[in-house]
PDB file of N, CA and C in Angstrom:
ATOM      1  N   LEU A   1       4.069 -74.268 -58.909  1.00  0.00           N
ATOM      2  CA  LEU A   1       2.982 -74.886 -58.165  1.00  0.00           C
ATOM      3  C   LEU A   1       3.394 -74.969 -56.694  1.00  0.00           C
ATOM      4  N   PRO A   2       2.653 -74.309 -55.807  1.00  0.00           N
ATOM      5  CA  PRO A   2       2.982 -74.385 -54.379  1.00  0.00           C
ATOM      6  C   PRO A   2       2.763 -75.793 -53.822  1.00  0.00           C
ATOM      7  N   GLU A   3       3.513 -76.116 -52.774  1.00  0.00           N
ATOM      8  CA  GLU A   3       3.425 -77.458 -52.194  1.00  0.00           C
ATOM      9  C   GLU A   3       2.019 -77.769 -51.688  1.00  0.00           C
ATOM     10  N   ALA A   4       1.371 -76.788 -51.052  1.00  0.00           N
ATOM     11  CA  ALA A   4       0.014 -77.023 -50.534  1.00  0.00           C
ATOM     12  C   ALA A   4      -0.943 -77.401 -51.657  1.00  0.00           C
ATOM     13  N   LEU A   5      -0.808 -76.755 -52.799  1.00  0.00           N
ATOM     14  CA  LEU A   5      -1.666 -77.067 -53.942  1.00  0.00           C
ATOM     15  C   LEU A   5      -1.349 -78.455 -54.499  1.00  0.00           C
ATOM     16  N   SER A   6      -0.091 -78.858 -54.415  1.00  0.00           N
ATOM     17  CA  SER A   6       0.279 -80.191 -54.909  1.00  0.00           C
ATOM     18  C   SER A   6      -0.428 -81.287 -54.109  1.00  0.00           C
ATOM     19  N   PHE A   7      -0.651 -81.061 -52.805  1.00  0.00           N
ATOM     20  CA  PHE A   7      -1.396 -82.023 -51.991  1.00  0.00           C
ATOM     21  C   PHE A   7      -2.824 -82.142 -52.515  1.00  0.00           C
ATOM     22  N   ASN A   8      -3.436 -80.999 -52.834  1.00  0.00           N
ATOM     23  CA  ASN A   8      -4.809 -81.008 -53.350  1.00  0.00           C
ATOM     24  C   ASN A   8      -4.903 -81.693 -54.705  1.00  0.00           C
ATOM     25  N   VAL A   9      -3.959 -81.392 -55.586  1.00  0.00           N
ATOM     26  CA  VAL A   9      -3.986 -81.980 -56.927  1.00  0.00           C
ATOM     27  C   VAL A   9      -3.813 -83.496 -56.849  1.00  0.00           C
ATOM     28  N   SER A  10      -2.818 -83.948 -56.090  1.00  0.00           N
ATOM     29  CA  SER A  10      -2.598 -85.402 -56.009  1.00  0.00           C
ATOM     30  C   SER A  10      -3.782 -86.093 -55.337  1.00  0.00           C
ATOM     31  N   GLY A  11      -4.329 -85.488 -54.288  1.00  0.00           N
ATOM     32  CA  GLY A  11      -5.499 -86.065 -53.627  1.00  0.00           C
ATOM     33  C   GLY A  11      -6.700 -86.136 -54.541  1.00  0.00           C
ATOM     34  N   SER A  12      -6.881 -85.096 -55.341  1.00  0.00           N
ATOM     35  CA  SER A  12      -8.003 -85.061 -56.280  1.00  0.00           C
ATOM     36  C   SER A  12      -7.878 -86.155 -57.335  1.00  0.00           C
ATOM     37  N   ILE A  13      -6.690 -86.328 -57.871  1.00  0.00           N
ATOM     38  CA  ILE A  13      -6.470 -87.374 -58.880  1.00  0.00           C
ATOM     39  C   ILE A  13      -6.710 -88.754 -58.268  1.00  0.00           C
ATOM     40  N   LEU A  14      -6.161 -88.983 -57.091  1.00  0.00           N
ATOM     41  CA  LEU A  14      -6.315 -90.292 -56.450  1.00  0.00           C
ATOM     42  C   LEU A  14      -7.763 -90.550 -56.056  1.00  0.00           C
ATOM     43  N   PHE A  15      -8.485 -89.506 -55.630  1.00  0.00           N
ATOM     44  CA  PHE A  15      -9.897 -89.671 -55.292  1.00  0.00           C
ATOM     45  C   PHE A  15     -10.697 -90.061 -56.523  1.00  0.00           C
ATOM     46  N   LYS A  16     -10.415 -89.404 -57.639  1.00  0.00           N
ATOM     47  CA  LYS A  16     -11.119 -89.722 -58.885  1.00  0.00           C
ATOM     48  C   LYS A  16     -10.816 -91.154 -59.315  1.00  0.00           C
ATOM     49  N   CYS A  17      -9.591 -91.600 -59.133  1.00  0.00           N
ATOM     50  CA  CYS A  17      -9.219 -92.970 -59.493  1.00  0.00           C
ATOM     51  C   CYS A  17      -9.925 -93.984 -58.605  1.00  0.00           C
ATOM     52  N   MET A  18     -10.178 -93.618 -57.339  1.00  0.00           N
ATOM     53  CA  MET A  18     -10.891 -94.522 -56.430  1.00  0.00           C
ATOM     54  C   MET A  18     -12.297 -94.787 -56.931  1.00  0.00           C
ATOM     55  N   SER A  19     -12.883 -93.809 -57.585  1.00  0.00           N
ATOM     56  CA  SER A  19     -14.258 -93.925 -58.055  1.00  0.00           C
ATOM     57  C   SER A  19     -14.377 -94.841 -59.265  1.00  0.00           C
ATOM     58  N   LEU A  20     -13.278 -95.060 -59.939  1.00  0.00           N
ATOM     59  CA  LEU A  20     -13.289 -95.897 -61.138  1.00  0.00           C
ATOM     60  C   LEU A  20     -13.117 -97.360 -60.758  1.00  0.00           C
ATOM     61  N   GLU A  21     -13.318 -98.209 -61.738  1.00  0.00           N
ATOM     62  CA  GLU A  21     -13.192 -99.647 -61.509  1.00  0.00           C
ATOM     63  C   GLU A  21     -11.740-100.037 -61.258  1.00  0.00           C
ATOM     64  N   ALA A  22     -11.533-100.846 -60.269  1.00  0.00           N
ATOM     65  CA  ALA A  22     -10.268-101.540 -59.990  1.00  0.00           C
ATOM     66  C   ALA A  22      -9.004-100.723 -60.240  1.00  0.00           C
ATOM     67  N   ASP A  23      -8.844 -99.677 -59.492  1.00  0.00           N
ATOM     68  CA  ASP A  23      -7.595 -98.897 -59.504  1.00  0.00           C
ATOM     69  C   ASP A  23      -7.144 -98.449 -60.892  1.00  0.00           C
ATOM     70  N   ARG A  24      -8.055 -98.010 -61.708  1.00  0.00           N
ATOM     71  CA  ARG A  24      -7.677 -97.517 -63.037  1.00  0.00           C
ATOM     72  C   ARG A  24      -7.102 -96.113 -62.894  1.00  0.00           C
ATOM     73  N   ILE A  25      -5.986 -95.900 -63.523  1.00  0.00           N
ATOM     74  CA  ILE A  25      -5.370 -94.588 -63.546  1.00  0.00           C
ATOM     75  C   ILE A  25      -4.863 -94.363 -64.962  1.00  0.00           C
ATOM     76  N   THR A  26      -5.176 -93.212 -65.513  1.00  0.00           N
ATOM     77  CA  THR A  26      -4.771 -92.947 -66.888  1.00  0.00           C
ATOM     78  C   THR A  26      -3.277 -92.643 -66.944  1.00  0.00           C
ATOM     79  N   GLU A  27      -2.741 -92.722 -68.128  1.00  0.00           N
ATOM     80  CA  GLU A  27      -1.324 -92.434 -68.326  1.00  0.00           C
ATOM     81  C   GLU A  27      -1.017 -90.989 -67.934  1.00  0.00           C
ATOM     82  N   GLN A  28      -1.909 -90.077 -68.296  1.00  0.00           N
ATOM     83  CA  GLN A  28      -1.723 -88.660 -67.968  1.00  0.00           C
ATOM     84  C   GLN A  28      -1.759 -88.443 -66.450  1.00  0.00           C
ATOM     85  N   GLN A  29      -2.691 -89.096 -65.760  1.00  0.00           N
ATOM     86  CA  GLN A  29      -2.773 -88.968 -64.304  1.00  0.00           C
ATOM     87  C   GLN A  29      -1.509 -89.519 -63.644  1.00  0.00           C
ATOM     88  N   GLU A  30      -1.034 -90.644 -64.140  1.00  0.00           N
ATOM     89  CA  GLU A  30       0.199 -91.241 -63.617  1.00  0.00           C
ATOM     90  C   GLU A  30       1.371 -90.286 -63.804  1.00  0.00           C
ATOM     91  N   LYS A  31       1.433 -89.656 -64.960  1.00  0.00           N
ATOM     92  CA  LYS A  31       2.514 -88.719 -65.265  1.00  0.00           C
ATOM     93  C   LYS A  31       2.478 -87.528 -64.304  1.00  0.00           C
ATOM     94  N   VAL A  32       1.288 -86.959 -64.095  1.00  0.00           N
ATOM     95  CA  VAL A  32       1.144 -85.811 -63.191  1.00  0.00           C
ATOM     96  C   VAL A  32       1.538 -86.206 -61.770  1.00  0.00           C
ATOM     97  N   LEU A  33       1.042 -87.353 -61.307  1.00  0.00           N
ATOM     98  CA  LEU A  33       1.381 -87.811 -59.957  1.00  0.00           C
ATOM     99  C   LEU A  33       2.888 -88.026 -59.803  1.00  0.00           C
ATOM    100  N   SER A  34       3.515 -88.612 -60.797  1.00  0.00           N
ATOM    101  CA  SER A  34       4.960 -88.864 -60.739  1.00  0.00           C
ATOM    102  C   SER A  34       5.743 -87.560 -60.665  1.00  0.00           C
ATOM    103  N   ILE A  35       5.334 -86.567 -61.454  1.00  0.00           N
ATOM    104  CA  ILE A  35       6.002 -85.257 -61.434  1.00  0.00           C
ATOM    105  C   ILE A  35       5.844 -84.603 -60.064  1.00  0.00           C
ATOM    106  N   LEU A  36       4.615 -84.649 -59.519  1.00  0.00           N
ATOM    107  CA  LEU A  36       4.374 -84.059 -58.198  1.00  0.00           C
ATOM    108  C   LEU A  36       5.197 -84.761 -57.122  1.00  0.00           C
ATOM    109  N   GLU A  37       5.248 -86.090 -57.178  1.00  0.00           N
ATOM    110  CA  GLU A  37       6.001 -86.852 -56.181  1.00  0.00           C
ATOM    111  C   GLU A  37       7.500 -86.580 -56.281  1.00  0.00           C
ATOM    112  N   GLU A  38       7.979 -86.338 -57.488  1.00  0.00           N
ATOM    113  CA  GLU A  38       9.395 -86.033 -57.675  1.00  0.00           C
ATOM    114  C   GLU A  38       9.713 -84.627 -57.172  1.00  0.00           C
ATOM    115  N   LYS A  39       8.843 -83.675 -57.486  1.00  0.00           N
ATOM    116  CA  LYS A  39       9.073 -82.276 -57.110  1.00  0.00           C
ATOM    117  C   LYS A  39       8.856 -82.049 -55.614  1.00  0.00           C
ATOM    118  N   PHE A  40       7.904 -82.790 -55.025  1.00  0.00           N
ATOM    119  CA  PHE A  40       7.575 -82.629 -53.609  1.00  0.00           C
ATOM    120  C   PHE A  40       7.723 -83.974 -52.893  1.00  0.00           C
ATOM    121  N   PRO A  41       8.940 -84.309 -52.470  1.00  0.00           N
ATOM    122  CA  PRO A  41       9.169 -85.613 -51.839  1.00  0.00           C
ATOM    123  C   PRO A  41       8.441 -85.783 -50.499  1.00  0.00           C
ATOM    124  N   ASP A  42       7.948 -84.686 -49.918  1.00  0.00           N
ATOM    125  CA  ASP A  42       7.221 -84.779 -48.643  1.00  0.00           C
ATOM    126  C   ASP A  42       5.759 -85.172 -48.813  1.00  0.00           C
ATOM    127  N   LEU A  43       5.308 -85.320 -50.053  1.00  0.00           N
ATOM    128  CA  LEU A  43       3.929 -85.779 -50.263  1.00  0.00           C
ATOM    129  C   LEU A  43       3.771 -87.166 -49.643  1.00  0.00           C
ATOM    130  N   PRO A  44       2.643 -87.407 -48.974  1.00  0.00           N
ATOM    131  CA  PRO A  44       2.433 -88.754 -48.424  1.00  0.00           C
ATOM    132  C   PRO A  44       2.362 -89.784 -49.553  1.00  0.00           C
ATOM    133  N   PRO A  45       2.692 -91.039 -49.250  1.00  0.00           N
ATOM    134  CA  PRO A  45       2.589 -92.091 -50.269  1.00  0.00           C
ATOM    135  C   PRO A  45       1.147 -92.219 -50.772  1.00  0.00           C
ATOM    136  N   ARG A  46       1.003 -92.635 -52.003  1.00  0.00           N
ATOM    137  CA  ARG A  46      -0.330 -92.774 -52.616  1.00  0.00           C
ATOM    138  C   ARG A  46      -1.250 -93.653 -51.779  1.00  0.00           C
ATOM    139  N   GLU A  47      -0.708 -94.764 -51.292  1.00  0.00           N
ATOM    140  CA  GLU A  47      -1.525 -95.699 -50.516  1.00  0.00           C
ATOM    141  C   GLU A  47      -2.096 -95.030 -49.269  1.00  0.00           C
ATOM    142  N   GLU A  48      -1.283 -94.176 -48.642  1.00  0.00           N
ATOM    143  CA  GLU A  48      -1.729 -93.472 -47.437  1.00  0.00           C
ATOM    144  C   GLU A  48      -2.852 -92.481 -47.773  1.00  0.00           C
ATOM    145  N   ILE A  49      -2.691 -91.751 -48.868  1.00  0.00           N
ATOM    146  CA  ILE A  49      -3.720 -90.791 -49.294  1.00  0.00           C
ATOM    147  C   ILE A  49      -5.020 -91.524 -49.605  1.00  0.00           C
ATOM    148  N   ILE A  50      -4.925 -92.616 -50.352  1.00  0.00           N
ATOM    149  CA  ILE A  50      -6.121 -93.387 -50.713  1.00  0.00           C
ATOM    150  C   ILE A  50      -6.795 -93.936 -49.462  1.00  0.00           C
ATOM    151  N   SER A  51      -5.997 -94.412 -48.507  1.00  0.00           N
ATOM    152  CA  SER A  51      -6.558 -94.946 -47.267  1.00  0.00           C
ATOM    153  C   SER A  51      -7.345 -93.875 -46.511  1.00  0.00           C
ATOM    154  N   VAL A  52      -6.779 -92.686 -46.387  1.00  0.00           N
ATOM    155  CA  VAL A  52      -7.467 -91.583 -45.700  1.00  0.00           C
ATOM    156  C   VAL A  52      -8.724 -91.190 -46.460  1.00  0.00           C
ATOM    157  N   LEU A  53      -8.629 -91.112 -47.781  1.00  0.00           N
ATOM    158  CA  LEU A  53      -9.801 -90.752 -48.590  1.00  0.00           C
ATOM    159  C   LEU A  53     -10.917 -91.782 -48.428  1.00  0.00           C
ATOM    160  N   GLN A  54     -10.561 -93.058 -48.409  1.00  0.00           N
ATOM    161  CA  GLN A  54     -11.571 -94.104 -48.249  1.00  0.00           C
ATOM    162  C   GLN A  54     -12.232 -94.026 -46.882  1.00  0.00           C
ATOM    163  N   GLU A  55     -11.454 -93.752 -45.850  1.00  0.00           N
ATOM    164  CA  GLU A  55     -12.010 -93.631 -44.501  1.00  0.00           C
ATOM    165  C   GLU A  55     -12.982 -92.462 -44.409  1.00  0.00           C
ATOM    166  N   THR A  56     -12.588 -91.316 -44.947  1.00  0.00           N
ATOM    167  CA  THR A  56     -13.436 -90.126 -44.840  1.00  0.00           C
ATOM    168  C   THR A  56     -14.611 -90.178 -45.796  1.00  0.00           C
ATOM    169  N   GLN A  57     -14.479 -90.895 -46.901  1.00  0.00           N
ATOM    170  CA  GLN A  57     -15.570 -90.986 -47.870  1.00  0.00           C
ATOM    171  C   GLN A  57     -16.784 -91.658 -47.247  1.00  0.00           C
ATOM    172  N   PHE A  58     -16.577 -92.625 -46.389  1.00  0.00           N
ATOM    173  CA  PHE A  58     -17.686 -93.373 -45.813  1.00  0.00           C
ATOM    174  C   PHE A  58     -17.943 -93.017 -44.350  1.00  0.00           C
ATOM    175  N   ASN A  59     -17.288 -91.962 -43.854  1.00  0.00           N
ATOM    176  CA  ASN A  59     -17.474 -91.536 -42.471  1.00  0.00           C
ATOM    177  C   ASN A  59     -17.828 -90.053 -42.448  1.00  0.00           C
ATOM    178  N   PRO A  60     -19.096 -89.730 -42.602  1.00  0.00           N
ATOM    179  CA  PRO A  60     -19.493 -88.327 -42.701  1.00  0.00           C
ATOM    180  C   PRO A  60     -19.595 -87.606 -41.363  1.00  0.00           C
ATOM    181  N   GLN A  61     -19.131 -88.208 -40.277  1.00  0.00           N
ATOM    182  CA  GLN A  61     -19.228 -87.579 -38.965  1.00  0.00           C
ATOM    183  C   GLN A  61     -18.478 -86.254 -38.964  1.00  0.00           C
ATOM    184  N   GLY A  62     -19.095 -85.238 -38.409  1.00  0.00           N
ATOM    185  CA  GLY A  62     -18.465 -83.932 -38.315  1.00  0.00           C
ATOM    186  C   GLY A  62     -18.571 -83.110 -39.583  1.00  0.00           C
ATOM    187  N   VAL A  63     -19.261 -83.609 -40.587  1.00  0.00           N
ATOM    188  CA  VAL A  63     -19.426 -82.880 -41.841  1.00  0.00           C
ATOM    189  C   VAL A  63     -20.879 -82.429 -41.932  1.00  0.00           C
ATOM    190  N   SER A  64     -21.059 -81.140 -42.146  1.00  0.00           N
ATOM    191  CA  SER A  64     -22.428 -80.622 -42.239  1.00  0.00           C
ATOM    192  C   SER A  64     -23.009 -80.918 -43.620  1.00  0.00           C
ATOM    193  N   ILE A  65     -24.321 -80.854 -43.727  1.00  0.00           N
ATOM    194  CA  ILE A  65     -24.982 -81.083 -45.018  1.00  0.00           C
ATOM    195  C   ILE A  65     -24.549 -80.014 -46.024  1.00  0.00           C
ATOM    196  N   GLU A  66     -24.282 -78.790 -45.541  1.00  0.00           N
ATOM    197  CA  GLU A  66     -23.800 -77.725 -46.435  1.00  0.00           C
ATOM    198  C   GLU A  66     -22.461 -78.097 -47.055  1.00  0.00           C
ATOM    199  N   GLU A  67     -21.548 -78.634 -46.251  1.00  0.00           N
ATOM    200  CA  GLU A  67     -20.235 -79.020 -46.758  1.00  0.00           C
ATOM    201  C   GLU A  67     -20.350 -80.131 -47.794  1.00  0.00           C
ATOM    202  N   VAL A  68     -21.241 -81.075 -47.546  1.00  0.00           N
ATOM    203  CA  VAL A  68     -21.446 -82.168 -48.495  1.00  0.00           C
ATOM    204  C   VAL A  68     -21.989 -81.621 -49.807  1.00  0.00           C
ATOM    205  N   MET A  69     -22.951 -80.706 -49.728  1.00  0.00           N
ATOM    206  CA  MET A  69     -23.556 -80.158 -50.944  1.00  0.00           C
ATOM    207  C   MET A  69     -22.570 -79.286 -51.716  1.00  0.00           C
ATOM    208  N   LEU A  70     -21.716 -78.554 -51.027  1.00  0.00           N
ATOM    209  CA  LEU A  70     -20.738 -77.704 -51.701  1.00  0.00           C
ATOM    210  C   LEU A  70     -19.631 -78.513 -52.364  1.00  0.00           C
ATOM    211  N   LYS A  71     -19.407 -79.729 -51.880  1.00  0.00           N
ATOM    212  CA  LYS A  71     -18.342 -80.581 -52.414  1.00  0.00           C
ATOM    213  C   LYS A  71     -18.500 -80.820 -53.916  1.00  0.00           C
ATOM    214  N   ASP A  72     -19.715 -81.015 -54.366  1.00  0.00           N
ATOM    215  CA  ASP A  72     -19.955 -81.363 -55.769  1.00  0.00           C
ATOM    216  C   ASP A  72     -20.833 -80.318 -56.459  1.00  0.00           C
ATOM    217  N   LEU A  73     -20.726 -79.074 -56.033  1.00  0.00           N
ATOM    218  CA  LEU A  73     -21.576 -78.010 -56.564  1.00  0.00           C
ATOM    219  C   LEU A  73     -21.193 -77.659 -58.000  1.00  0.00           C
ATOM    220  N   LYS A  74     -22.191 -77.574 -58.857  1.00  0.00           N
ATOM    221  CA  LYS A  74     -22.009 -77.145 -60.248  1.00  0.00           C
ATOM    222  C   LYS A  74     -22.881 -75.913 -60.463  1.00  0.00           C
ATOM    223  N   GLU A  75     -22.344 -74.916 -61.130  1.00  0.00           N
ATOM    224  CA  GLU A  75     -23.102 -73.698 -61.409  1.00  0.00           C
ATOM    225  C   GLU A  75     -23.228 -73.490 -62.908  1.00  0.00           C
ATOM    226  N   ILE A  76     -24.409 -73.018 -63.308  1.00  0.00           N
ATOM    227  CA  ILE A  76     -24.679 -72.679 -64.706  1.00  0.00           C
ATOM    228  C   ILE A  76     -25.258 -71.274 -64.705  1.00  0.00           C
ATOM    229  N   SER A  77     -24.805 -70.438 -65.636  1.00  0.00           N
ATOM    230  CA  SER A  77     -25.317 -69.076 -65.696  1.00  0.00           C
ATOM    231  C   SER A  77     -25.448 -68.637 -67.142  1.00  0.00           C
ATOM    232  N   ASP A  78     -26.522 -67.885 -67.411  1.00  0.00           N
ATOM    233  CA  ASP A  78     -26.676 -67.307 -68.742  1.00  0.00           C
ATOM    234  C   ASP A  78     -26.369 -65.815 -68.710  1.00  0.00           C
ATOM    235  N   GLY A  79     -25.805 -65.332 -67.615  1.00  0.00           N
ATOM    236  CA  GLY A  79     -25.504 -63.923 -67.466  1.00  0.00           C
ATOM    237  C   GLY A  79     -26.484 -63.227 -66.541  1.00  0.00           C
ATOM    238  N   GLU A  80     -27.743 -63.610 -66.603  1.00  0.00           N
ATOM    239  CA  GLU A  80     -28.774 -63.024 -65.752  1.00  0.00           C
ATOM    240  C   GLU A  80     -29.131 -63.939 -64.601  1.00  0.00           C
ATOM    241  N   ILE A  81     -29.333 -65.189 -64.919  1.00  0.00           N
ATOM    242  CA  ILE A  81     -29.786 -66.160 -63.929  1.00  0.00           C
ATOM    243  C   ILE A  81     -28.667 -67.165 -63.676  1.00  0.00           C
ATOM    244  N   LYS A  82     -28.430 -67.442 -62.394  1.00  0.00           N
ATOM    245  CA  LYS A  82     -27.436 -68.444 -62.017  1.00  0.00           C
ATOM    246  C   LYS A  82     -28.164 -69.585 -61.306  1.00  0.00           C
ATOM    247  N   VAL A  83     -27.887 -70.817 -61.739  1.00  0.00           N
ATOM    248  CA  VAL A  83     -28.494 -71.998 -61.136  1.00  0.00           C
ATOM    249  C   VAL A  83     -27.368 -72.872 -60.593  1.00  0.00           C
ATOM    250  N   ALA A  84     -27.531 -73.341 -59.362  1.00  0.00           N
ATOM    251  CA  ALA A  84     -26.546 -74.234 -58.748  1.00  0.00           C
ATOM    252  C   ALA A  84     -27.193 -75.595 -58.521  1.00  0.00           C
ATOM    253  N   ILE A  85     -26.450 -76.643 -58.854  1.00  0.00           N
ATOM    254  CA  ILE A  85     -26.940 -78.014 -58.696  1.00  0.00           C
ATOM    255  C   ILE A  85     -25.890 -78.792 -57.909  1.00  0.00           C
ATOM    256  N   SER A  86     -26.345 -79.567 -56.947  1.00  0.00           N
ATOM    257  CA  SER A  86     -25.436 -80.380 -56.152  1.00  0.00           C
ATOM    258  C   SER A  86     -25.978 -81.799 -56.063  1.00  0.00           C
ATOM    259  N   THR A  87     -25.080 -82.758 -56.025  1.00  0.00           N
ATOM    260  CA  THR A  87     -25.467 -84.156 -55.904  1.00  0.00           C
ATOM    261  C   THR A  87     -24.991 -84.678 -54.561  1.00  0.00           C
ATOM    262  N   VAL A  88     -25.877 -85.325 -53.846  1.00  0.00           N
ATOM    263  CA  VAL A  88     -25.520 -85.947 -52.575  1.00  0.00           C
ATOM    264  C   VAL A  88     -25.971 -87.400 -52.639  1.00  0.00           C
ATOM    265  N   TYR A  89     -25.025 -88.309 -52.474  1.00  0.00           N
ATOM    266  CA  TYR A  89     -25.340 -89.732 -52.495  1.00  0.00           C
ATOM    267  C   TYR A  89     -25.546 -90.213 -51.067  1.00  0.00           C
ATOM    268  N   MET A  90     -26.654 -90.906 -50.826  1.00  0.00           N
ATOM    269  CA  MET A  90     -26.916 -91.459 -49.500  1.00  0.00           C
ATOM    270  C   MET A  90     -27.909 -92.595 -49.612  1.00  0.00           C
ATOM    271  N   THR A  91     -27.926 -93.416 -48.598  1.00  0.00           N
ATOM    272  CA  THR A  91     -28.893 -94.508 -48.572  1.00  0.00           C
ATOM    273  C   THR A  91     -30.233 -93.973 -48.086  1.00  0.00           C
ATOM    274  N   LEU A  92     -31.283 -94.713 -48.339  1.00  0.00           N
ATOM    275  CA  LEU A  92     -32.603 -94.295 -47.869  1.00  0.00           C
ATOM    276  C   LEU A  92     -32.657 -94.262 -46.348  1.00  0.00           C
ATOM    277  N   GLU A  93     -31.897 -95.139 -45.697  1.00  0.00           N
ATOM    278  CA  GLU A  93     -31.875 -95.154 -44.236  1.00  0.00           C
ATOM    279  C   GLU A  93     -31.314 -93.848 -43.695  1.00  0.00           C
ATOM    280  N   VAL A  94     -30.224 -93.369 -44.288  1.00  0.00           N
ATOM    281  CA  VAL A  94     -29.608 -92.118 -43.846  1.00  0.00           C
ATOM    282  C   VAL A  94     -30.531 -90.952 -44.135  1.00  0.00           C
ATOM    283  N   ARG A  95     -31.175 -90.960 -45.293  1.00  0.00           N
ATOM    284  CA  ARG A  95     -32.071 -89.877 -45.690  1.00  0.00           C
ATOM    285  C   ARG A  95     -33.177 -89.686 -44.663  1.00  0.00           C
ATOM    286  N   GLY A  96     -33.665 -90.772 -44.100  1.00  0.00           N
ATOM    287  CA  GLY A  96     -34.740 -90.693 -43.120  1.00  0.00           C
ATOM    288  C   GLY A  96     -34.348 -89.952 -41.851  1.00  0.00           C
ATOM    289  N   ASN A  97     -33.038 -89.844 -41.583  1.00  0.00           N
ATOM    290  CA  ASN A  97     -32.557 -89.164 -40.382  1.00  0.00           C
ATOM    291  C   ASN A  97     -32.330 -87.674 -40.583  1.00  0.00           C
ATOM    292  N   LEU A  98     -32.533 -87.169 -41.768  1.00  0.00           N
ATOM    293  CA  LEU A  98     -32.266 -85.743 -42.020  1.00  0.00           C
ATOM    294  C   LEU A  98     -33.411 -84.871 -41.625  1.00  0.00           C
TER     295      LEU A  98
END
């Protein structure tokens, strides 16, 4: 596993944990994070990653609507037809500015 990918994996796990109630982290997620932290000591501390994720999660400045839609893009295909679905969460106030 390359070091650059380890940053993505740990960030992804921590981001998913942020979405859950009160800092819940599964045993498997804890195990993966511990292995990554041991193998790559230059990874930022978990608290630092979570802090950056929380700041960027609620600060969409500089992010285009395309980037937001691609973030959670899901594709379904039957071989002939491909359908893409994306979810964008926003308040009604923000929606009015689009």
